[in-house]
Amino acid sequence: MTPVHFSFSSAFILGLMGLAFHRTHLLSALLCLEGMMLSLFIALALWALQFESTSFSTAPMLLLAFSACEASTGLAPLVATARTHGTDRLRNLNLLQC
C-alpha cells in the first residue's frame, strides 16, 4: 500500500470512527460525513488520474455533486432541530416527541 492510499484510507476510517463514537452533536456527525466524502473524492480523483481514461474523469464530479446534496440535506434537519429544540445535541432529540 502506497503512502497516498494509506493516507486517504486512514482519513476515511478516522471520519467513520468519529461518526460512530462521537455522536454528541448533529453538527459533528455532519462534519465527519463531509470528511469521509472529501477523502473519497480525492481518492477517486487520483484513481481517475492514475488510469488516464476519460470515462473515469466524470466520477469525481458526480461524487462531489452528491456530496453537496448530502450537505444541504443534512443542514436542513440541523437548522430545524436548532430552531425547535434550541440545541443540536443528539441526546435531546426524541423521535416520539417530534
N, C-alpha and C. Protein backbone atom coordinates (compact mmCIF):
# COMPACT_ATOMS: atom_id res chain seq x y z
N MET A 1 0.85 -1.17 0.00
CA MET A 1 0.00 0.00 0.00
C MET A 1 0.90 1.24 0.00
N THR A 2 0.63 2.12 -0.93
CA THR A 2 1.44 3.33 -1.03
C THR A 2 1.04 4.32 0.07
N PRO A 3 1.91 5.27 0.36
CA PRO A 3 1.56 6.26 1.39
C PRO A 3 0.33 7.09 1.04
N VAL A 4 0.10 7.33 -0.25
CA VAL A 4 -1.08 8.08 -0.66
C VAL A 4 -2.34 7.29 -0.35
N HIS A 5 -2.34 6.01 -0.69
CA HIS A 5 -3.50 5.17 -0.40
C HIS A 5 -3.72 5.03 1.10
N PHE A 6 -2.63 4.94 1.83
CA PHE A 6 -2.75 4.82 3.29
C PHE A 6 -3.34 6.08 3.90
N SER A 7 -2.93 7.25 3.40
CA SER A 7 -3.43 8.50 3.98
C SER A 7 -4.91 8.69 3.69
N PHE A 8 -5.37 8.36 2.50
CA PHE A 8 -6.79 8.51 2.22
C PHE A 8 -7.63 7.44 2.90
N SER A 9 -7.08 6.25 3.03
CA SER A 9 -7.79 5.20 3.77
C SER A 9 -7.90 5.56 5.24
N SER A 10 -6.82 6.09 5.81
CA SER A 10 -6.86 6.47 7.22
C SER A 10 -7.78 7.67 7.44
N ALA A 11 -7.85 8.61 6.49
CA ALA A 11 -8.77 9.74 6.62
C ALA A 11 -10.21 9.27 6.59
N PHE A 12 -10.51 8.31 5.74
CA PHE A 12 -11.87 7.77 5.68
C PHE A 12 -12.20 7.02 6.96
N ILE A 13 -11.28 6.21 7.45
CA ILE A 13 -11.51 5.44 8.68
C ILE A 13 -11.66 6.36 9.88
N LEU A 14 -10.86 7.43 9.95
CA LEU A 14 -10.99 8.38 11.05
C LEU A 14 -12.34 9.08 11.02
N GLY A 15 -12.82 9.43 9.84
CA GLY A 15 -14.15 10.02 9.73
C GLY A 15 -15.24 9.05 10.14
N LEU A 16 -15.07 7.80 9.77
CA LEU A 16 -16.04 6.77 10.15
C LEU A 16 -16.03 6.53 11.65
N MET A 17 -14.84 6.51 12.25
CA MET A 17 -14.76 6.33 13.70
C MET A 17 -15.32 7.53 14.43
N GLY A 18 -15.10 8.73 13.92
CA GLY A 18 -15.68 9.91 14.53
C GLY A 18 -17.19 9.90 14.45
N LEU A 19 -17.71 9.40 13.35
CA LEU A 19 -19.16 9.30 13.20
C LEU A 19 -19.74 8.25 14.13
N ALA A 20 -19.00 7.18 14.36
CA ALA A 20 -19.52 6.09 15.19
C ALA A 20 -19.39 6.37 16.68
N PHE A 21 -18.31 7.02 17.10
CA PHE A 21 -18.04 7.13 18.54
C PHE A 21 -18.35 8.50 19.14
N HIS A 22 -18.32 9.56 18.37
CA HIS A 22 -18.53 10.90 18.91
C HIS A 22 -19.83 11.46 18.38
N ARG A 23 -20.92 10.94 18.87
CA ARG A 23 -22.24 11.34 18.39
C ARG A 23 -22.94 12.26 19.38
N THR A 24 -22.29 13.29 19.83
CA THR A 24 -22.94 14.18 20.79
C THR A 24 -23.72 15.27 20.08
N HIS A 25 -23.17 15.83 19.01
CA HIS A 25 -23.84 16.90 18.28
C HIS A 25 -24.12 16.46 16.85
N LEU A 26 -25.20 16.97 16.30
CA LEU A 26 -25.54 16.67 14.92
C LEU A 26 -24.53 17.33 13.98
N LEU A 27 -24.01 18.48 14.35
CA LEU A 27 -23.03 19.15 13.52
C LEU A 27 -21.74 18.35 13.41
N SER A 28 -21.30 17.71 14.49
CA SER A 28 -20.08 16.90 14.43
C SER A 28 -20.29 15.66 13.55
N ALA A 29 -21.50 15.11 13.58
CA ALA A 29 -21.79 13.97 12.70
C ALA A 29 -21.76 14.39 11.24
N LEU A 30 -22.30 15.57 10.94
CA LEU A 30 -22.27 16.07 9.57
C LEU A 30 -20.85 16.39 9.12
N LEU A 31 -20.02 16.91 10.01
CA LEU A 31 -18.63 17.18 9.65
C LEU A 31 -17.85 15.90 9.39
N CYS A 32 -18.14 14.86 10.16
CA CYS A 32 -17.49 13.56 9.90
C CYS A 32 -17.91 13.00 8.55
N LEU A 33 -19.18 13.15 8.22
CA LEU A 33 -19.65 12.70 6.90
C LEU A 33 -18.98 13.48 5.78
N GLU A 34 -18.81 14.78 5.97
CA GLU A 34 -18.15 15.59 4.95
C GLU A 34 -16.67 15.22 4.82
N GLY A 35 -16.02 14.90 5.92
CA GLY A 35 -14.64 14.44 5.85
C GLY A 35 -14.51 13.13 5.10
N MET A 36 -15.46 12.23 5.33
CA MET A 36 -15.44 10.96 4.60
C MET A 36 -15.66 11.18 3.11
N MET A 37 -16.58 12.07 2.77
CA MET A 37 -16.85 12.33 1.36
C MET A 37 -15.66 13.03 0.69
N LEU A 38 -14.98 13.91 1.43
CA LEU A 38 -13.80 14.58 0.87
C LEU A 38 -12.68 13.59 0.61
N SER A 39 -12.46 12.64 1.52
CA SER A 39 -11.41 11.65 1.28
C SER A 39 -11.79 10.73 0.12
N LEU A 40 -13.07 10.40 -0.01
CA LEU A 40 -13.49 9.60 -1.16
C LEU A 40 -13.33 10.37 -2.47
N PHE A 41 -13.64 11.67 -2.44
CA PHE A 41 -13.49 12.48 -3.65
C PHE A 41 -12.04 12.55 -4.10
N ILE A 42 -11.13 12.81 -3.17
CA ILE A 42 -9.72 12.93 -3.54
C ILE A 42 -9.18 11.58 -4.00
N ALA A 43 -9.57 10.50 -3.33
CA ALA A 43 -9.12 9.18 -3.74
C ALA A 43 -9.65 8.81 -5.13
N LEU A 44 -10.91 9.14 -5.40
CA LEU A 44 -11.48 8.84 -6.71
C LEU A 44 -10.86 9.71 -7.80
N ALA A 45 -10.54 10.95 -7.48
CA ALA A 45 -9.88 11.82 -8.46
C ALA A 45 -8.48 11.32 -8.78
N LEU A 46 -7.75 10.89 -7.76
CA LEU A 46 -6.41 10.34 -8.02
C LEU A 46 -6.48 9.02 -8.77
N TRP A 47 -7.52 8.25 -8.51
CA TRP A 47 -7.70 6.99 -9.23
C TRP A 47 -7.98 7.25 -10.70
N ALA A 48 -8.81 8.28 -10.98
CA ALA A 48 -9.10 8.63 -12.37
C ALA A 48 -7.86 9.17 -13.07
N LEU A 49 -7.04 9.92 -12.36
CA LEU A 49 -5.79 10.41 -12.97
C LEU A 49 -4.79 9.29 -13.20
N GLN A 50 -4.82 8.29 -12.35
CA GLN A 50 -3.88 7.18 -12.49
C GLN A 50 -4.18 6.35 -13.73
N PHE A 51 -5.47 6.15 -14.02
CA PHE A 51 -5.83 5.35 -15.20
C PHE A 51 -5.81 6.14 -16.49
N GLU A 52 -5.81 7.47 -16.40
CA GLU A 52 -5.75 8.36 -17.57
C GLU A 52 -6.81 8.02 -18.60
N SER A 53 -8.00 7.77 -18.13
CA SER A 53 -9.11 7.45 -19.02
C SER A 53 -10.17 8.53 -18.90
N THR A 54 -10.80 8.88 -20.00
CA THR A 54 -11.83 9.92 -19.96
C THR A 54 -13.14 9.40 -19.37
N SER A 55 -13.33 8.09 -19.36
CA SER A 55 -14.57 7.56 -18.80
C SER A 55 -14.60 7.65 -17.28
N PHE A 56 -13.44 7.69 -16.63
CA PHE A 56 -13.39 7.80 -15.17
C PHE A 56 -13.34 9.25 -14.69
N SER A 57 -13.17 10.19 -15.60
CA SER A 57 -12.98 11.58 -15.17
C SER A 57 -14.26 12.23 -14.67
N THR A 58 -15.42 11.72 -15.01
CA THR A 58 -16.67 12.32 -14.54
C THR A 58 -17.08 11.81 -13.17
N ALA A 59 -16.53 10.71 -12.73
CA ALA A 59 -16.92 10.12 -11.45
C ALA A 59 -16.62 11.03 -10.24
N PRO A 60 -15.46 11.70 -10.17
CA PRO A 60 -15.25 12.60 -9.02
C PRO A 60 -16.22 13.78 -8.99
N MET A 61 -16.58 14.31 -10.14
CA MET A 61 -17.53 15.42 -10.17
C MET A 61 -18.93 14.96 -9.77
N LEU A 62 -19.29 13.76 -10.16
CA LEU A 62 -20.58 13.21 -9.75
C LEU A 62 -20.62 12.98 -8.24
N LEU A 63 -19.53 12.49 -7.69
CA LEU A 63 -19.44 12.30 -6.24
C LEU A 63 -19.48 13.63 -5.51
N LEU A 64 -18.85 14.66 -6.07
CA LEU A 64 -18.87 15.98 -5.46
C LEU A 64 -20.27 16.58 -5.50
N ALA A 65 -21.02 16.33 -6.56
CA ALA A 65 -22.41 16.80 -6.64
C ALA A 65 -23.27 16.10 -5.59
N PHE A 66 -23.08 14.80 -5.42
CA PHE A 66 -23.84 14.08 -4.39
C PHE A 66 -23.43 14.53 -2.99
N SER A 67 -22.17 14.88 -2.81
CA SER A 67 -21.71 15.37 -1.52
C SER A 67 -22.35 16.72 -1.20
N ALA A 68 -22.50 17.57 -2.18
CA ALA A 68 -23.16 18.86 -1.95
C ALA A 68 -24.64 18.66 -1.61
N CYS A 69 -25.27 17.71 -2.28
CA CYS A 69 -26.67 17.40 -1.95
C CYS A 69 -26.79 16.81 -0.55
N GLU A 70 -25.84 16.00 -0.16
CA GLU A 70 -25.85 15.41 1.18
C GLU A 70 -25.65 16.48 2.24
N ALA A 71 -24.80 17.45 1.95
CA ALA A 71 -24.56 18.53 2.90
C ALA A 71 -25.81 19.39 3.07
N SER A 72 -26.47 19.70 1.99
CA SER A 72 -27.68 20.52 2.11
C SER A 72 -28.81 19.75 2.76
N THR A 73 -28.88 18.45 2.52
CA THR A 73 -29.89 17.63 3.17
C THR A 73 -29.61 17.48 4.66
N GLY A 74 -28.36 17.50 5.04
CA GLY A 74 -28.01 17.41 6.46
C GLY A 74 -28.18 18.73 7.19
N LEU A 75 -27.99 19.85 6.49
CA LEU A 75 -28.13 21.14 7.15
C LEU A 75 -29.59 21.49 7.42
N ALA A 76 -30.50 20.98 6.62
CA ALA A 76 -31.92 21.27 6.84
C ALA A 76 -32.41 20.72 8.18
N PRO A 77 -32.15 19.45 8.53
CA PRO A 77 -32.55 19.00 9.88
C PRO A 77 -31.77 19.67 11.00
N LEU A 78 -30.52 20.07 10.72
CA LEU A 78 -29.74 20.77 11.74
C LEU A 78 -30.38 22.10 12.09
N VAL A 79 -30.78 22.86 11.09
CA VAL A 79 -31.43 24.14 11.34
C VAL A 79 -32.80 23.93 11.98
N ALA A 80 -33.54 22.92 11.53
CA ALA A 80 -34.86 22.66 12.09
C ALA A 80 -34.78 22.25 13.56
N THR A 81 -33.84 21.40 13.91
CA THR A 81 -33.73 20.99 15.31
C THR A 81 -33.18 22.10 16.18
N ALA A 82 -32.32 22.94 15.63
CA ALA A 82 -31.81 24.07 16.41
C ALA A 82 -32.92 25.08 16.69
N ARG A 83 -33.84 25.21 15.76
CA ARG A 83 -34.95 26.14 15.98
C ARG A 83 -35.99 25.57 16.94
N THR A 84 -36.30 24.30 16.82
CA THR A 84 -37.36 23.74 17.66
C THR A 84 -36.87 23.35 19.05
N HIS A 85 -35.67 22.76 19.15
CA HIS A 85 -35.17 22.28 20.44
C HIS A 85 -34.18 23.22 21.09
N GLY A 86 -33.64 24.17 20.34
CA GLY A 86 -32.68 25.12 20.90
C GLY A 86 -31.26 24.61 20.93
N THR A 87 -31.02 23.39 20.53
CA THR A 87 -29.68 22.82 20.52
C THR A 87 -29.61 21.73 19.44
N ASP A 88 -28.38 21.33 19.13
CA ASP A 88 -28.22 20.25 18.16
C ASP A 88 -27.69 18.98 18.82
N ARG A 89 -27.79 18.92 20.13
CA ARG A 89 -27.33 17.71 20.84
C ARG A 89 -28.26 16.56 20.52
N LEU A 90 -27.68 15.42 20.20
CA LEU A 90 -28.48 14.28 19.78
C LEU A 90 -29.21 13.62 20.94
N ARG A 91 -28.75 13.82 22.16
CA ARG A 91 -29.44 13.23 23.32
C ARG A 91 -30.78 13.90 23.58
N ASN A 92 -30.88 15.17 23.22
CA ASN A 92 -32.11 15.90 23.46
C ASN A 92 -33.19 15.60 22.43
N LEU A 93 -32.80 14.97 21.34
CA LEU A 93 -33.77 14.67 20.28
C LEU A 93 -34.46 13.34 20.59
N ASN A 94 -35.75 13.36 20.56
CA ASN A 94 -36.55 12.17 20.76
C ASN A 94 -37.55 12.09 19.64
N LEU A 95 -37.56 11.01 18.91
CA LEU A 95 -38.44 10.88 17.78
C LEU A 95 -39.91 10.79 18.19
N LEU A 96 -40.18 10.37 19.42
CA LEU A 96 -41.56 10.26 19.85
C LEU A 96 -42.18 11.62 20.15
N GLN A 97 -41.35 12.63 20.43
CA GLN A 97 -41.87 13.94 20.75
C GLN A 97 -41.96 14.85 19.52
N CYS A 98 -41.32 14.52 18.46
CA CYS A 98 -41.32 15.40 17.28
C CYS A 98 -42.64 15.37 16.54
